[in-house]
Amino acid sequence: MMILLLTSSCASLNQKQKIETVSDFCSRYNQVIQSKGDSDIKANILVKKRIAANEIDYKCNCLKLKEAYCALGIVK
């Protein structure tokens, strides 16, 4: 019984931390790509990939877009 209680407590704590992390990300994030030409940023390909991933995270988690690409990162 104690193990079950501990497991459920840890699961709810992890969920709460995830929600707070997403909320913090949403409140602090500055969109880099704001118009069509902004994607032509001169940078290393790895930097461009990180920027694009952050933009997708922002759009899917903060703006709550329901695009197909938003489901790609969800683990069920």
Protein backbone atom coordinates (compact mmCIF):
# COMPACT_ATOMS: atom_id res chain seq x y z
CA MET A 1 0.00 0.00 0.00
CA MET A 2 2.85 2.40 0.89
CA ILE A 3 4.58 1.76 -2.44
CA LEU A 4 1.39 2.53 -4.36
CA LEU A 5 0.91 5.79 -2.45
CA LEU A 6 4.53 6.80 -3.03
CA THR A 7 4.30 5.98 -6.73
CA SER A 8 1.12 8.01 -7.20
CA SER A 9 2.62 10.92 -5.24
CA CYS A 10 5.71 10.92 -7.46
CA ALA A 11 3.57 10.74 -10.60
CA SER A 12 1.50 13.77 -9.57
CA LEU A 13 4.63 15.69 -8.60
CA ASN A 14 6.21 14.97 -11.99
CA GLN A 15 3.02 16.09 -13.77
CA LYS A 16 2.92 19.32 -11.74
CA GLN A 17 6.59 20.03 -12.53
CA LYS A 18 5.95 19.41 -16.24
CA ILE A 19 3.01 21.86 -16.25
CA GLU A 20 5.06 24.52 -14.42
CA THR A 21 7.98 24.01 -16.84
CA VAL A 22 5.74 24.42 -19.90
CA SER A 23 4.05 27.44 -18.34
CA ASP A 24 7.44 29.04 -17.60
CA PHE A 25 8.63 28.31 -21.15
CA CYS A 26 5.46 29.88 -22.59
CA SER A 27 5.75 33.05 -20.52
CA ARG A 28 9.45 33.61 -21.30
CA TYR A 29 9.75 32.47 -24.92
CA ASN A 30 10.41 35.05 -27.65
CA GLN A 31 9.46 33.79 -31.07
CA VAL A 32 12.48 33.90 -33.39
CA ILE A 33 10.62 33.11 -36.60
CA GLN A 34 7.86 35.71 -36.82
CA SER A 35 7.42 36.02 -40.58
CA LYS A 36 8.15 33.95 -43.68
CA GLY A 37 11.63 35.39 -44.42
CA ASP A 38 12.87 34.86 -40.85
CA SER A 39 13.57 31.20 -41.57
CA ASP A 40 16.54 32.27 -43.73
CA ILE A 41 18.66 32.87 -40.61
CA LYS A 42 22.38 32.50 -41.27
CA ALA A 43 23.52 29.93 -38.73
CA ASN A 44 24.91 26.43 -38.33
CA ILE A 45 22.36 23.74 -39.28
CA LEU A 46 22.27 22.43 -35.69
CA VAL A 47 21.37 25.91 -34.40
CA LYS A 48 18.63 26.18 -37.02
CA LYS A 49 17.22 22.80 -35.93
CA ARG A 50 17.12 23.90 -32.27
CA ILE A 51 15.38 27.16 -33.21
CA ALA A 52 12.83 25.26 -35.31
CA ALA A 53 12.21 22.74 -32.51
CA ASN A 54 11.66 25.53 -29.98
CA GLU A 55 9.25 27.26 -32.38
CA ILE A 56 7.26 24.03 -32.75
CA ASP A 57 7.23 23.49 -28.96
CA TYR A 58 5.95 27.05 -28.52
CA LYS A 59 3.24 26.74 -31.16
CA CYS A 60 1.99 23.34 -29.97
CA ASN A 61 2.27 23.77 -26.18
CA CYS A 62 1.66 27.49 -25.71
CA LEU A 63 -0.56 28.51 -28.62
CA LYS A 64 -2.30 25.10 -28.51
CA LEU A 65 -2.20 24.58 -32.28
CA LYS A 66 -3.74 21.30 -33.42
CA GLU A 67 -1.38 20.67 -36.33
CA ALA A 68 -0.33 17.11 -37.23
CA TYR A 69 3.31 17.88 -36.38
CA CYS A 70 2.30 18.65 -32.78
CA ALA A 71 1.44 14.97 -32.21
CA LEU A 72 4.91 13.80 -33.27
CA GLY A 73 6.58 14.66 -29.98
CA ILE A 74 3.85 13.29 -27.71
CA VAL A 75 4.60 10.06 -25.88
CA LYS A 76 1.43 8.21 -24.89
